[in-house]
Protein backbone atom coordinates (compact mmCIF):
# COMPACT_ATOMS: atom_id res chain seq x y z
CA UNK A 1 27.32 10.12 11.80
CA UNK A 2 25.81 6.51 11.48
CA UNK A 3 24.81 5.14 8.01
CA UNK A 4 23.22 2.19 6.96
CA UNK A 5 24.46 -0.06 3.85
CA UNK A 6 21.65 -0.88 1.39
CA UNK A 7 21.91 -3.70 -1.09
CA UNK A 8 19.47 -3.68 -3.52
CA UNK A 9 17.84 -6.11 -6.00
CA UNK A 10 18.13 -5.61 -9.83
CA UNK A 11 15.67 -3.35 -11.39
CA UNK A 12 14.58 -6.10 -13.79
CA UNK A 13 13.89 -8.76 -11.35
CA UNK A 14 11.89 -6.58 -9.05
CA UNK A 15 10.16 -5.45 -11.61
CA UNK A 16 9.00 -9.01 -12.19
CA UNK A 17 8.44 -9.90 -8.39
CA UNK A 18 6.56 -6.71 -7.53
CA UNK A 19 4.34 -6.08 -10.74
CA UNK A 20 5.26 -2.55 -11.16
CA UNK A 21 5.68 -0.47 -13.90
CA UNK A 22 9.23 -1.52 -15.35
CA UNK A 23 11.90 1.30 -14.93
CA UNK A 24 13.75 3.34 -17.39
CA UNK A 25 16.82 1.18 -19.32
CA UNK A 26 19.26 4.39 -18.04
CA UNK A 27 18.83 3.49 -14.43
CA UNK A 28 21.46 2.58 -12.28
CA UNK A 29 20.92 1.42 -8.10
CA UNK A 30 24.52 1.44 -6.41
CA UNK A 31 24.15 -1.70 -4.45
CA UNK A 32 26.33 -0.35 -1.74
CA UNK A 33 24.32 2.66 -0.52
CA UNK A 34 24.54 4.28 2.68
CA UNK A 35 22.13 6.84 3.98
CA UNK A 36 22.58 8.69 7.11
CA UNK A 37 20.57 8.10 10.51
CA UNK A 38 17.82 10.74 10.75
CA UNK A 39 15.25 11.34 13.40
CA UNK A 40 12.99 13.09 11.03
CA UNK A 41 10.96 12.05 7.82
CA UNK A 42 14.12 10.88 5.40
CA UNK A 43 14.22 12.43 2.25
CA UNK A 44 12.59 10.54 -0.02
CA UNK A 45 14.55 12.51 -2.85
CA UNK A 46 17.94 11.77 -1.28
CA UNK A 47 20.26 9.57 -3.30
CA UNK A 48 23.44 7.98 -2.27
CA UNK A 49 25.42 10.15 -3.28
CA UNK A 50 24.28 12.98 -1.41
CA UNK A 51 22.70 14.91 -4.14
CA UNK A 52 18.79 14.82 -4.97
CA UNK A 53 17.00 13.57 -8.26
CA UNK A 54 15.79 15.82 -10.56
CA UNK A 55 13.94 13.89 -12.90
CA UNK A 56 11.06 11.43 -13.18
CA UNK A 57 13.31 8.47 -14.52
CA UNK A 58 15.43 9.15 -11.61
CA UNK A 59 12.53 8.49 -9.12
CA UNK A 60 11.17 5.75 -10.87
CA UNK A 61 15.16 4.80 -9.77
CA UNK A 62 14.39 5.60 -6.42
CA UNK A 63 11.07 4.02 -6.17
CA UNK A 64 12.69 0.59 -7.09
CA UNK A 65 14.99 0.95 -3.62
CA UNK A 66 12.36 1.98 -1.55
CA UNK A 67 10.50 -1.12 -2.39
CA UNK A 68 13.64 -2.61 -1.60
CA UNK A 69 14.00 -1.51 1.41
CA UNK A 70 10.85 -2.09 2.76
CA UNK A 71 11.29 -5.66 2.01
CA UNK A 72 14.47 -6.34 3.50
CA UNK A 73 14.13 -4.69 6.58
CA UNK A 74 10.45 -4.45 7.84
CA UNK A 75 7.41 -6.95 5.35
CA UNK A 76 9.88 -9.85 4.10
CA UNK A 77 10.15 -10.63 0.43
CA UNK A 78 6.88 -10.68 -2.22
CA UNK A 79 7.74 -13.93 -4.46
CA UNK A 80 7.50 -13.41 -8.21
CA UNK A 81 4.32 -14.21 -9.94
CA UNK A 82 3.78 -18.14 -9.97
CA UNK A 83 1.33 -20.09 -12.32
CA UNK A 84 -1.51 -19.07 -11.72
CA UNK A 85 -4.78 -20.87 -13.23
CA UNK A 86 -7.94 -19.88 -12.51
CA UNK A 87 -11.76 -20.18 -12.59
CA UNK A 88 -15.03 -18.14 -12.76
CA UNK A 89 -18.34 -19.95 -11.38
CA UNK A 90 -21.77 -18.13 -9.55
CA UNK A 91 -20.18 -14.99 -8.17
CA UNK A 92 -17.01 -16.50 -7.73
CA UNK A 93 -13.15 -17.05 -8.86
CA UNK A 94 -10.96 -19.60 -7.43
CA UNK A 95 -7.12 -18.83 -7.56
CA UNK A 96 -4.80 -21.78 -8.20
CA UNK A 97 -0.98 -20.53 -7.54
CA UNK A 98 1.57 -23.25 -8.46
CA UNK A 99 5.33 -22.94 -7.70
CA UNK A 100 7.98 -25.59 -7.22
CA UNK A 101 5.36 -28.10 -7.44
CA UNK A 102 3.58 -26.57 -4.87
CA UNK A 103 -0.32 -25.58 -5.63
CA UNK A 104 -2.57 -23.60 -3.10
CA UNK A 105 -5.62 -21.86 -4.24
CA UNK A 106 -8.06 -19.63 -2.95
CA UNK A 107 -11.32 -18.02 -3.79
CA UNK A 108 -12.93 -14.60 -4.11
CA UNK A 109 -16.26 -13.55 -4.43
CA UNK A 110 -17.84 -10.32 -6.63
CA UNK A 111 -21.11 -8.30 -5.98
CA UNK A 112 -21.57 -7.07 -9.10
CA UNK A 113 -23.72 -3.83 -10.48
CA UNK A 114 -26.89 -3.97 -12.46
CA UNK A 115 -25.96 -3.82 -16.56
CA UNK A 116 -23.00 -5.52 -18.94
CA UNK A 117 -20.18 -4.01 -17.85
CA UNK A 118 -17.26 -4.36 -17.72
CA UNK A 119 -17.40 -2.42 -14.51
CA UNK A 120 -14.54 -0.89 -12.20
CA UNK A 121 -14.04 -2.78 -9.52
CA UNK A 122 -13.00 -2.38 -5.88
CA UNK A 123 -10.76 -5.02 -3.87
CA UNK A 124 -12.19 -5.52 -0.16
CA UNK A 125 -9.96 -6.83 2.76
CA UNK A 126 -12.39 -9.38 4.03
CA UNK A 127 -15.74 -6.64 3.69
CA UNK A 128 -16.11 -3.16 3.31
CA UNK A 129 -16.33 -0.17 5.46
CA UNK A 130 -16.70 2.46 3.05
CA UNK A 131 -19.60 3.50 0.74
CA UNK A 132 -18.94 1.67 -2.84
CA UNK A 133 -20.54 4.04 -5.38
CA UNK A 134 -23.30 2.66 -7.94
CA UNK A 135 -21.66 0.92 -10.89
CA UNK A 136 -18.46 -0.72 -9.08
CA UNK A 137 -18.22 -4.18 -8.10
CA UNK A 138 -16.65 -5.49 -5.00
CA UNK A 139 -14.58 -8.49 -5.15
CA UNK A 140 -14.23 -9.43 -1.36
CA UNK A 141 -10.99 -10.78 -0.65
CA UNK A 142 -10.40 -13.40 2.41
CA UNK A 143 -6.44 -11.51 3.58
CA UNK A 144 -6.60 -14.06 6.72
CA UNK A 145 -6.92 -17.52 4.46
CA UNK A 146 -3.74 -16.19 2.14
CA UNK A 147 -1.85 -15.46 5.36
CA UNK A 148 -3.06 -15.62 9.25
CA UNK A 149 -1.31 -12.60 11.39
CA UNK A 150 -1.48 -15.25 14.12
CA UNK A 151 -0.28 -17.32 14.41
CA UNK A 152 2.83 -16.87 12.18
CA UNK A 153 3.67 -18.62 9.04
CA UNK A 154 -0.14 -20.51 8.13
CA UNK A 155 -2.15 -19.73 5.28
CA UNK A 156 -1.79 -20.68 1.63
CA UNK A 157 0.72 -17.95 1.11
CA UNK A 158 2.81 -20.43 3.50
CA UNK A 159 1.60 -23.52 2.94
CA UNK A 160 2.73 -22.10 -1.21
CA UNK A 161 6.83 -20.87 -0.41
CA UNK A 162 7.26 -22.78 3.25
CA UNK A 163 6.67 -21.65 7.16
CA UNK A 164 10.30 -20.10 7.02
CA UNK A 165 9.37 -18.10 4.26
CA UNK A 166 10.56 -13.97 4.74
CA UNK A 167 7.38 -12.41 4.34
CA UNK A 168 4.99 -11.14 6.95
CA UNK A 169 1.52 -11.24 6.85
CA UNK A 170 1.33 -7.49 5.25
CA UNK A 171 3.56 -8.33 2.00
CA UNK A 172 2.06 -11.66 1.71
CA UNK A 173 -1.39 -10.19 1.68
CA UNK A 174 -0.23 -8.02 -1.08
CA UNK A 175 1.03 -10.90 -2.83
CA UNK A 176 -2.65 -12.70 -2.57
CA UNK A 177 -4.10 -9.14 -4.10
CA UNK A 178 -1.21 -9.38 -7.29
CA UNK A 179 -2.95 -13.16 -7.80
CA UNK A 180 -6.24 -11.90 -8.08
CA UNK A 181 -5.62 -9.11 -10.25
CA UNK A 182 -3.90 -11.92 -12.27
CA UNK A 183 -7.13 -14.44 -12.20
CA UNK A 184 -9.14 -11.44 -13.51
CA UNK A 185 -6.80 -10.71 -16.21
CA UNK A 186 -6.55 -14.20 -17.47
CA UNK A 187 -10.28 -14.59 -17.33
CA UNK A 188 -10.88 -11.59 -19.26
CA UNK A 189 -13.83 -9.27 -18.60
CA UNK A 190 -15.98 -11.32 -20.59
CA UNK A 191 -16.43 -13.92 -18.10
CA UNK A 192 -15.68 -11.79 -15.11
CA UNK A 193 -17.93 -8.48 -15.75
CA UNK A 194 -14.61 -6.36 -14.42
CA UNK A 195 -12.02 -4.22 -16.27
CA UNK A 196 -9.00 -5.05 -14.82
CA UNK A 197 -7.78 -0.80 -16.03
CA UNK A 198 -9.86 0.46 -13.13
CA UNK A 199 -9.34 -1.63 -9.70
CA UNK A 200 -9.69 -0.23 -6.46
CA UNK A 201 -8.33 -1.42 -2.84
CA UNK A 202 -9.35 -0.58 0.27
CA UNK A 203 -9.59 -2.84 3.84
CA UNK A 204 -10.09 -0.89 7.08
CA UNK A 205 -7.44 -1.23 10.49
CA UNK A 206 -4.87 -3.64 9.68
CA UNK A 207 -6.87 -5.07 6.69
CA UNK A 208 -6.07 -1.49 5.54
CA UNK A 209 -2.61 -1.84 6.46
CA UNK A 210 -2.89 -4.58 3.55
CA UNK A 211 -4.50 -2.29 1.41
CA UNK A 212 -1.79 0.50 1.11
CA UNK A 213 0.90 -2.20 0.70
CA UNK A 214 -1.06 -3.75 -1.80
CA UNK A 215 -1.32 -0.83 -3.74
CA UNK A 216 2.27 0.14 -3.24
CA UNK A 217 3.62 -3.04 -4.12
CA UNK A 218 1.05 -4.09 -7.71
CA UNK A 219 0.63 -0.67 -10.27
CA UNK A 220 -2.36 -1.87 -11.23
CA UNK A 221 -4.38 -0.92 -8.94
CA UNK A 222 -5.79 2.28 -9.96
CA UNK A 223 -6.82 4.03 -6.03
CA UNK A 224 -5.73 2.76 -2.69
CA UNK A 225 -8.30 3.16 0.49
CA UNK A 226 -6.77 2.24 3.52
CA UNK A 227 -9.38 3.21 6.27
CA UNK A 228 -7.56 3.70 9.80
CA UNK A 229 -5.15 1.50 9.55
CA UNK A 230 -3.02 1.44 13.14
CA UNK A 231 0.04 3.55 13.02
CA UNK A 232 1.06 2.63 16.33
CA UNK A 233 3.00 6.56 16.75
CA UNK A 234 -0.07 8.75 19.17
CA UNK A 235 0.11 9.25 22.69
CA UNK A 236 -1.23 6.17 24.12
CA UNK A 237 -0.38 3.47 20.89
CA UNK A 238 2.28 1.11 20.99
CA UNK A 239 6.19 1.83 19.66
CA UNK A 240 7.50 -0.36 17.64
CA UNK A 241 9.59 -2.51 19.92
CA UNK A 242 5.89 -3.81 20.86
CA UNK A 243 4.16 -4.24 18.08
CA UNK A 244 6.36 -6.82 16.77
CA UNK A 245 5.40 -9.05 20.04
CA UNK A 246 1.80 -9.43 18.50
CA UNK A 247 0.25 -10.02 14.92
CA UNK A 248 3.08 -11.29 12.55
CA UNK A 249 2.42 -8.21 10.06
CA UNK A 250 6.14 -8.14 9.77
CA UNK A 251 8.98 -10.11 8.71
CA UNK A 252 11.07 -11.33 11.49
CA UNK A 253 14.12 -9.34 10.44
CA UNK A 254 12.22 -5.82 11.98
CA UNK A 255 13.38 -6.96 15.05
CA UNK A 256 16.46 -5.84 14.23
CA UNK A 257 15.65 -2.19 13.94
CA UNK A 258 12.52 -1.96 16.21
CA UNK A 259 15.03 -0.10 18.74
CA UNK A 260 15.82 1.89 17.02
CA UNK A 261 13.79 2.99 13.97
CA UNK A 262 15.91 5.87 12.93
CA UNK A 263 18.43 4.04 11.41
CA UNK A 264 15.90 2.94 8.81
CA UNK A 265 16.71 5.33 5.29
CA UNK A 266 12.48 5.05 4.56
CA UNK A 267 9.75 6.15 6.80
CA UNK A 268 6.01 5.40 6.10
CA UNK A 269 5.98 8.72 4.18
CA UNK A 270 7.83 6.24 1.53
CA UNK A 271 5.92 3.86 1.71
CA UNK A 272 2.67 5.92 0.80
CA UNK A 273 4.37 7.50 -2.13
CA UNK A 274 5.36 4.55 -4.01
CA UNK A 275 1.29 4.60 -4.96
CA UNK A 276 2.39 8.19 -6.60
CA UNK A 277 0.78 9.18 -9.44
CA UNK A 278 -2.18 7.04 -8.95
CA UNK A 279 -5.34 7.73 -6.78
CA UNK A 280 -4.43 7.58 -2.57
CA UNK A 281 -7.25 8.45 0.10
CA UNK A 282 -6.42 8.47 3.73
CA UNK A 283 -9.48 7.58 5.33
CA UNK A 284 -9.05 7.83 9.77
CA UNK A 285 -11.16 8.67 12.99
CA UNK A 286 -9.02 11.73 14.40
CA UNK A 287 -11.01 10.82 17.59
CA UNK A 288 -9.21 7.52 18.34
CA UNK A 289 -5.76 8.03 19.43
CA UNK A 290 -4.82 4.90 19.70
CA UNK A 291 -4.94 4.94 15.61
CA UNK A 292 -2.27 7.75 15.58
CA UNK A 293 -4.00 10.24 13.69
CA UNK A 294 -0.99 13.26 14.11
CA UNK A 295 1.45 10.08 12.40
CA UNK A 296 -0.96 9.23 9.86
CA UNK A 297 -1.47 13.13 8.77
CA UNK A 298 2.04 13.67 8.78
CA UNK A 299 3.04 10.60 6.51
CA UNK A 300 0.22 12.32 4.56
CA UNK A 301 1.77 15.15 4.06
CA UNK A 302 4.83 14.46 3.40
CA UNK A 303 3.96 12.10 0.73
CA UNK A 304 2.42 14.37 -0.89
CA UNK A 305 4.91 16.13 -1.34
CA UNK A 306 6.02 13.57 -3.54
CA UNK A 307 3.37 13.24 -5.40
CA UNK A 308 3.43 17.33 -5.96
CA UNK A 309 6.59 16.87 -7.63
CA UNK A 310 5.57 14.45 -9.68
CA UNK A 311 2.69 16.85 -10.75
CA UNK A 312 -0.34 14.87 -9.06
CA UNK A 313 -0.92 16.74 -6.19
CA UNK A 314 -4.53 16.07 -5.67
CA UNK A 315 -4.10 11.97 -6.53
CA UNK A 316 -3.31 12.34 -2.57
CA UNK A 317 -5.92 13.05 -0.12
CA UNK A 318 -6.34 12.90 3.48
CA UNK A 319 -9.51 13.42 5.23
CA UNK A 320 -9.84 12.88 9.14
CA UNK A 321 -12.84 13.15 11.47
CA UNK A 322 -13.56 12.28 14.75
CA UNK A 323 -16.76 10.31 15.42
CA UNK A 324 -15.74 8.73 19.00
CA UNK A 325 -14.56 5.17 19.69
CA UNK A 326 -16.29 3.29 17.02
CA UNK A 327 -13.64 1.94 14.29
CA UNK A 328 -14.13 1.35 10.57
CA UNK A 329 -17.67 3.06 10.76
CA UNK A 330 -17.03 5.69 8.75
CA UNK A 331 -19.72 9.11 9.68
CA UNK A 332 -21.30 10.49 6.00
CA UNK A 333 -19.35 13.59 6.75
CA UNK A 334 -16.30 11.68 4.57
CA UNK A 335 -18.70 10.54 2.11
CA UNK A 336 -18.18 13.18 -0.07
CA UNK A 337 -14.05 12.29 -0.45
CA UNK A 338 -14.55 8.83 -1.16
CA UNK A 339 -17.31 9.59 -3.58
CA UNK A 340 -15.13 12.16 -5.62
CA UNK A 341 -11.91 9.91 -5.47
CA UNK A 342 -13.89 7.07 -7.35
CA UNK A 343 -15.42 9.18 -9.70
CA UNK A 344 -12.35 10.45 -10.39
CA UNK A 345 -10.10 7.18 -10.83
CA UNK A 346 -12.42 4.59 -11.04
CA UNK A 347 -15.63 6.33 -12.99
CA UNK A 348 -13.99 8.46 -15.43
CA UNK A 349 -14.94 11.99 -14.52
CA UNK A 350 -11.28 13.59 -14.09
CA UNK A 351 -12.08 17.09 -13.75
CA UNK A 352 -13.84 15.79 -10.29
CA UNK A 353 -11.94 18.04 -7.48
CA UNK A 354 -9.61 15.06 -5.39
CA UNK A 355 -7.57 18.48 -3.48
CA UNK A 356 -8.73 16.91 0.08
CA UNK A 357 -6.63 17.98 3.47
CA UNK A 358 -8.88 18.43 6.01
CA UNK A 359 -8.52 17.01 9.90
CA UNK A 360 -10.37 18.13 13.04
CA UNK A 361 -7.55 16.68 15.09
CA UNK A 362 -6.99 17.70 18.33
CA UNK A 363 -3.41 17.86 18.00
CA UNK A 364 -0.48 20.41 16.55
CA UNK A 365 1.82 19.20 13.72
CA UNK A 366 4.57 21.46 12.49
CA UNK A 367 5.91 20.26 8.91
CA UNK A 368 9.59 22.09 10.37
CA UNK A 369 9.93 19.50 13.20
CA UNK A 370 9.97 16.99 10.74
CA UNK A 371 10.65 17.53 7.62
CA UNK A 372 14.25 19.52 6.42
CA UNK A 373 13.99 19.03 2.81
CA UNK A 374 11.73 20.66 0.16
CA UNK A 375 8.87 19.16 -2.94
CA UNK A 376 10.99 19.45 -6.41
CA UNK A 377 9.32 20.10 -9.60
CA UNK A 378 10.84 16.40 -11.76
CA UNK A 379 11.07 16.78 -15.32
């Protein structure tokens, strides 16, 4: 059986770099960890010694390891927080990041609801294509200004860190979202009318990928709603070797693993699990095979098993509805799920039911074909 060597960043440096909740002091990570190659969805609870974790503290350690692996093999590294300054004026926040004698700036716009606030807010990649409830502000994030995905290494992120930085576009966008949150915290709710304890992030298509990664790499985000984020694993979709020849979403190092992704110690159910136990609602058009609805569904089922193990099964929902070839145009039939997740995770209605697991996809997905591990009850 083939094994893959893993090198893990120290937990202290990782926590500083990724805006995540600190791991427990008892956590130790084996920098020489190895994992078996697997054609199925890897066991998210598997430890390097072959045993399975059993506590939430051990999951915190495993979570740090998964974050490191995804950056190292696929996305490139998300730099630690630079020096950040921000100014707010006329519905706009200008954010300046400084590092190593260089500076780069970008601006976000804020649309506030009526009232005095502070309000919960959704950070939207370029625009919103889901219904935003009354009482929720919208912050429009110009992700392609922060990092272009064609050509590679262009944008404010690379102005600051250099064109040779390992980060692909997706993790650079996540870095940008973290700087938006830094700015909101720094300015305070009196200046912005935004409650930074109640933040969501959303986007559609490639921006949906960006939203998911932003939510996975910043624990300050309470709710993540990726919409129709292309998975590239359906009948008529691109495989990994094809996707790396297009937009520069990934690190160049991913080209090494694209021909055989089974050597990687994770799959995207583990990326989704990084959001746990915070809110995650996956919105999909099951009528477009190019979006890979079977892959989205399977990864969501597997990630939900991690949520279940943490006692938070209802915090992850998936809603798939076929609406022809219209991309990023959500039908009203999915409105109740979106409203429920906003109500529960941003508007404080904790009793709202969010046990959403539905698809009308014309596919057959069998858990036993892809999952050979079980959910746990973590103490």
